[in-house]
Amino acid sequence: MQPHATWTSTIDYTIVADDVIADALYEIELDDKRLVLIQPDIFSAWTGLRFINGTEYHGPIYNIDTNVQYTGPRHCHCQICQMHTLHIHRKN
């Protein structure tokens, strides 16, 4: 497994909304290994690597704008991420 790029922000990106953690920074990793800040609704639907406040997040993924859990293939092959996928999509 390759190490992930680290990113340090010098800007306060505090998001204030009813359905978000006020001080959380939601980031996703793009194909070119850049981390970008993203809104929580996109974050929860992203199948690639995800980070909250700089810490890699391995939780369930939801179909965008729904509470329906996504069970398709994921980029992360760890045991936690793979348990949220259908058996036909799991990596051996």
C-alpha atoms as a PDB file:
ATOM      1  CA  MET A   1       0.000   0.000   0.000  1.00  0.00           C
ATOM      2  CA  GLN A   2       1.455   3.363  -0.985  1.00  0.00           C
ATOM      3  CA  PRO A   3       1.601   6.212   1.539  1.00  0.00           C
ATOM      4  CA  HIS A   4      -0.999   8.924   1.060  1.00  0.00           C
ATOM      5  CA  ALA A   5      -0.205  12.535   0.362  1.00  0.00           C
ATOM      6  CA  THR A   6      -0.410  14.784   3.376  1.00  0.00           C
ATOM      7  CA  TRP A   7      -2.023  18.164   3.127  1.00  0.00           C
ATOM      8  CA  THR A   8      -1.938  20.967   5.640  1.00  0.00           C
ATOM      9  CA  SER A   9      -4.327  23.888   5.422  1.00  0.00           C
ATOM     10  CA  THR A  10      -3.488  27.365   6.640  1.00  0.00           C
ATOM     11  CA  ILE A  11      -7.021  28.608   5.985  1.00  0.00           C
ATOM     12  CA  ASP A  12      -9.962  28.117   8.343  1.00  0.00           C
ATOM     13  CA  TYR A  13     -12.521  26.121   6.340  1.00  0.00           C
ATOM     14  CA  THR A  14     -15.058  25.784   9.151  1.00  0.00           C
ATOM     15  CA  ILE A  15     -18.453  24.803   7.796  1.00  0.00           C
ATOM     16  CA  VAL A  16     -21.534  25.656   9.835  1.00  0.00           C
ATOM     17  CA  ALA A  17     -24.716  23.733   9.051  1.00  0.00           C
ATOM     18  CA  ASP A  18     -27.243  21.656  10.950  1.00  0.00           C
ATOM     19  CA  ASP A  19     -26.225  18.307   9.449  1.00  0.00           C
ATOM     20  CA  VAL A  20     -22.434  18.596   9.614  1.00  0.00           C
ATOM     21  CA  ILE A  21     -19.763  18.495  12.269  1.00  0.00           C
ATOM     22  CA  ALA A  22     -18.993  22.209  12.587  1.00  0.00           C
ATOM     23  CA  ASP A  23     -15.199  21.912  12.727  1.00  0.00           C
ATOM     24  CA  ALA A  24     -14.734  18.929  10.412  1.00  0.00           C
ATOM     25  CA  LEU A  25     -12.798  19.106   7.156  1.00  0.00           C
ATOM     26  CA  TYR A  26     -14.139  16.597   4.645  1.00  0.00           C
ATOM     27  CA  GLU A  27     -11.544  15.673   1.999  1.00  0.00           C
ATOM     28  CA  ILE A  28     -11.357  13.190  -0.847  1.00  0.00           C
ATOM     29  CA  GLU A  29      -8.351  11.931  -2.770  1.00  0.00           C
ATOM     30  CA  LEU A  30      -8.448  12.362  -6.536  1.00  0.00           C
ATOM     31  CA  ASP A  31      -6.736  10.069  -9.048  1.00  0.00           C
ATOM     32  CA  ASP A  32      -3.673  12.342  -9.159  1.00  0.00           C
ATOM     33  CA  LYS A  33      -3.269  11.939  -5.348  1.00  0.00           C
ATOM     34  CA  ARG A  34      -4.475  15.492  -4.587  1.00  0.00           C
ATOM     35  CA  LEU A  35      -6.694  15.993  -1.575  1.00  0.00           C
ATOM     36  CA  VAL A  36      -9.582  18.396  -2.082  1.00  0.00           C
ATOM     37  CA  LEU A  37     -12.142  19.775   0.346  1.00  0.00           C
ATOM     38  CA  ILE A  38     -15.669  18.621  -0.361  1.00  0.00           C
ATOM     39  CA  GLN A  39     -19.194  19.035   1.006  1.00  0.00           C
ATOM     40  CA  PRO A  40     -20.477  16.259   3.315  1.00  0.00           C
ATOM     41  CA  ASP A  41     -23.135  15.009   0.862  1.00  0.00           C
ATOM     42  CA  ILE A  42     -20.495  14.302  -1.797  1.00  0.00           C
ATOM     43  CA  PHE A  43     -18.094  12.933   0.830  1.00  0.00           C
ATOM     44  CA  SER A  44     -20.618  10.309   1.961  1.00  0.00           C
ATOM     45  CA  ALA A  45     -21.093   9.120  -1.658  1.00  0.00           C
ATOM     46  CA  TRP A  46     -17.395   9.062  -2.674  1.00  0.00           C
ATOM     47  CA  THR A  47     -16.060   5.532  -3.378  1.00  0.00           C
ATOM     48  CA  GLY A  48     -12.409   6.573  -3.316  1.00  0.00           C
ATOM     49  CA  LEU A  49     -10.235   7.423  -0.332  1.00  0.00           C
ATOM     50  CA  ARG A  50     -11.847   9.810   2.164  1.00  0.00           C
ATOM     51  CA  PHE A  51     -10.442  11.832   5.060  1.00  0.00           C
ATOM     52  CA  ILE A  52     -12.029  13.690   7.974  1.00  0.00           C
ATOM     53  CA  ASN A  53      -9.711  16.257   9.578  1.00  0.00           C
ATOM     54  CA  GLY A  54      -6.733  14.595   7.884  1.00  0.00           C
ATOM     55  CA  THR A  55      -7.539  11.079   9.170  1.00  0.00           C
ATOM     56  CA  GLU A  56      -8.423   8.378   6.680  1.00  0.00           C
ATOM     57  CA  TYR A  57     -12.092   7.371   6.986  1.00  0.00           C
ATOM     58  CA  HIS A  58     -13.311   3.800   6.372  1.00  0.00           C
ATOM     59  CA  GLY A  59     -17.068   3.899   6.796  1.00  0.00           C
ATOM     60  CA  PRO A  60     -20.159   3.126   4.770  1.00  0.00           C
ATOM     61  CA  ILE A  61     -20.909   4.902   1.502  1.00  0.00           C
ATOM     62  CA  TYR A  62     -24.402   6.086   0.625  1.00  0.00           C
ATOM     63  CA  ASN A  63     -26.023   6.686  -2.753  1.00  0.00           C
ATOM     64  CA  ILE A  64     -25.963  10.436  -3.273  1.00  0.00           C
ATOM     65  CA  ASP A  65     -28.834  12.368  -1.677  1.00  0.00           C
ATOM     66  CA  THR A  66     -30.285   9.209  -0.086  1.00  0.00           C
ATOM     67  CA  ASN A  67     -29.963   7.080   3.050  1.00  0.00           C
ATOM     68  CA  VAL A  68     -29.532   3.978   0.879  1.00  0.00           C
ATOM     69  CA  GLN A  69     -26.185   2.314   1.452  1.00  0.00           C
ATOM     70  CA  TYR A  70     -23.984   1.804  -1.628  1.00  0.00           C
ATOM     71  CA  THR A  71     -22.787  -1.810  -1.939  1.00  0.00           C
ATOM     72  CA  GLY A  72     -20.774  -1.620  -5.157  1.00  0.00           C
ATOM     73  CA  PRO A  73     -16.991  -1.793  -5.592  1.00  0.00           C
ATOM     74  CA  ARG A  74     -14.705   0.497  -3.581  1.00  0.00           C
ATOM     75  CA  HIS A  75     -11.182   1.784  -4.112  1.00  0.00           C
ATOM     76  CA  CYS A  76     -10.044   0.906  -0.595  1.00  0.00           C
ATOM     77  CA  HIS A  77      -9.418  -2.809  -0.155  1.00  0.00           C
ATOM     78  CA  CYS A  78      -9.233  -2.867   3.641  1.00  0.00           C
ATOM     79  CA  GLN A  79     -11.423  -5.287   5.590  1.00  0.00           C
ATOM     80  CA  ILE A  80     -13.656  -2.523   6.985  1.00  0.00           C
ATOM     81  CA  CYS A  81     -14.461  -1.088   3.552  1.00  0.00           C
ATOM     82  CA  GLN A  82     -14.927  -4.495   1.944  1.00  0.00           C
ATOM     83  CA  MET A  83     -17.507  -5.596   4.532  1.00  0.00           C
ATOM     84  CA  HIS A  84     -19.795  -2.839   3.196  1.00  0.00           C
ATOM     85  CA  THR A  85     -19.771  -4.266  -0.354  1.00  0.00           C
ATOM     86  CA  LEU A  86     -21.681  -7.132  -1.939  1.00  0.00           C
ATOM     87  CA  HIS A  87     -19.692 -10.366  -2.052  1.00  0.00           C
ATOM     88  CA  ILE A  88     -19.429 -10.226  -5.863  1.00  0.00           C
ATOM     89  CA  HIS A  89     -17.528  -6.913  -5.595  1.00  0.00           C
ATOM     90  CA  ARG A  90     -15.154  -7.879  -2.773  1.00  0.00           C
ATOM     91  CA  LYS A  91     -11.444  -8.178  -3.411  1.00  0.00           C
ATOM     92  CA  ASN A  92      -9.907 -11.561  -2.565  1.00  0.00           C
END
